[in-house]
Amino acid sequence: MAQAHTQISAYISVESKDLVERYVRARGVKKGFLIESALLHHLQALEELPADVIIPPRLVVSRESGEAILEQLEKPA
């Protein structure tokens, strides 16, 4: 029995789109398959892992915090 499918729409960064395009060309998979697999994998991890071990893909910091981080990276102890 075939699975029912539905279409969703989402805006992604140009960089993410380029990564998807390169991956599907290199591996010969369809974009829909890649996106659904990645989404299911991510959602399963969010359900199964404790919240304190999940690291967000992007961190938003204030300018002051960013400068402090940069300073520590440039001059490690």
Protein backbone atom coordinates (compact mmCIF):
# COMPACT_ATOMS: atom_id res chain seq x y z
CA MET A 1 0.00 0.00 0.00
CA ALA A 2 1.44 3.37 -1.02
CA GLN A 3 1.97 6.09 1.54
CA ALA A 4 0.01 9.32 1.15
CA HIS A 5 2.10 12.41 0.57
CA THR A 6 1.50 16.09 1.16
CA GLN A 7 3.45 19.16 0.14
CA ILE A 8 4.82 21.77 2.51
CA SER A 9 6.54 25.05 1.79
CA ALA A 10 9.38 26.66 3.72
CA TYR A 11 11.90 29.40 3.17
CA ILE A 12 15.53 28.34 3.67
CA SER A 13 18.82 30.15 3.28
CA VAL A 14 20.66 30.15 -0.03
CA GLU A 15 23.49 28.30 1.72
CA SER A 16 21.16 25.51 2.87
CA LYS A 17 19.67 25.21 -0.61
CA ASP A 18 23.16 24.92 -2.10
CA LEU A 19 24.03 22.16 0.38
CA VAL A 20 20.85 20.28 -0.54
CA GLU A 21 21.56 20.66 -4.26
CA ARG A 22 25.14 19.40 -3.89
CA TYR A 23 24.06 16.45 -1.75
CA VAL A 24 21.31 15.25 -4.10
CA ARG A 25 23.60 15.55 -7.13
CA ALA A 26 26.41 13.65 -5.40
CA ARG A 27 24.20 10.89 -3.96
CA GLY A 28 21.54 10.62 -6.65
CA VAL A 29 18.62 10.95 -4.24
CA LYS A 30 15.52 13.09 -4.61
CA LYS A 31 15.23 16.34 -2.67
CA GLY A 32 11.96 15.24 -1.08
CA PHE A 33 13.54 12.02 0.18
CA LEU A 34 16.52 13.89 1.64
CA ILE A 35 14.39 16.53 3.34
CA GLU A 36 11.93 14.04 4.80
CA SER A 37 14.73 11.77 6.05
CA ALA A 38 16.58 14.69 7.64
CA LEU A 39 13.41 16.05 9.23
CA LEU A 40 12.41 12.67 10.67
CA HIS A 41 15.94 12.11 11.98
CA HIS A 42 15.99 15.54 13.64
CA LEU A 43 12.53 15.19 15.18
CA GLN A 44 13.34 11.72 16.52
CA ALA A 45 16.53 13.06 18.14
CA LEU A 46 14.57 15.91 19.74
CA GLU A 47 12.11 13.39 21.20
CA GLU A 48 14.68 10.89 22.45
CA LEU A 49 17.57 13.04 23.70
CA PRO A 50 17.47 15.09 26.90
CA ALA A 51 16.89 18.78 26.19
CA ASP A 52 20.17 19.79 27.85
CA VAL A 53 22.26 17.91 25.26
CA ILE A 54 20.60 19.47 22.22
CA ILE A 55 22.82 22.14 20.69
CA PRO A 56 20.94 24.53 18.41
CA PRO A 57 22.43 24.94 14.92
CA ARG A 58 22.53 28.71 15.40
CA LEU A 59 23.24 30.70 18.52
CA VAL A 60 22.13 34.31 18.84
CA VAL A 61 24.28 36.46 21.11
CA SER A 62 24.48 40.16 21.83
CA ARG A 63 27.25 42.23 20.29
CA GLU A 64 28.92 42.44 23.70
CA SER A 65 28.81 38.66 24.18
CA GLY A 66 30.01 38.10 20.62
CA GLU A 67 33.00 40.37 21.17
CA ALA A 68 33.84 38.56 24.42
CA ILE A 69 33.66 35.19 22.65
CA LEU A 70 35.85 36.46 19.82
CA GLU A 71 38.39 37.81 22.30
CA GLN A 72 38.58 34.44 24.06
CA LEU A 73 38.99 32.62 20.74
CA GLU A 74 41.77 34.94 19.61
CA LYS A 75 43.63 34.83 22.94
CA PRO A 76 43.13 31.43 24.55
CA ALA A 77 44.27 31.07 28.17
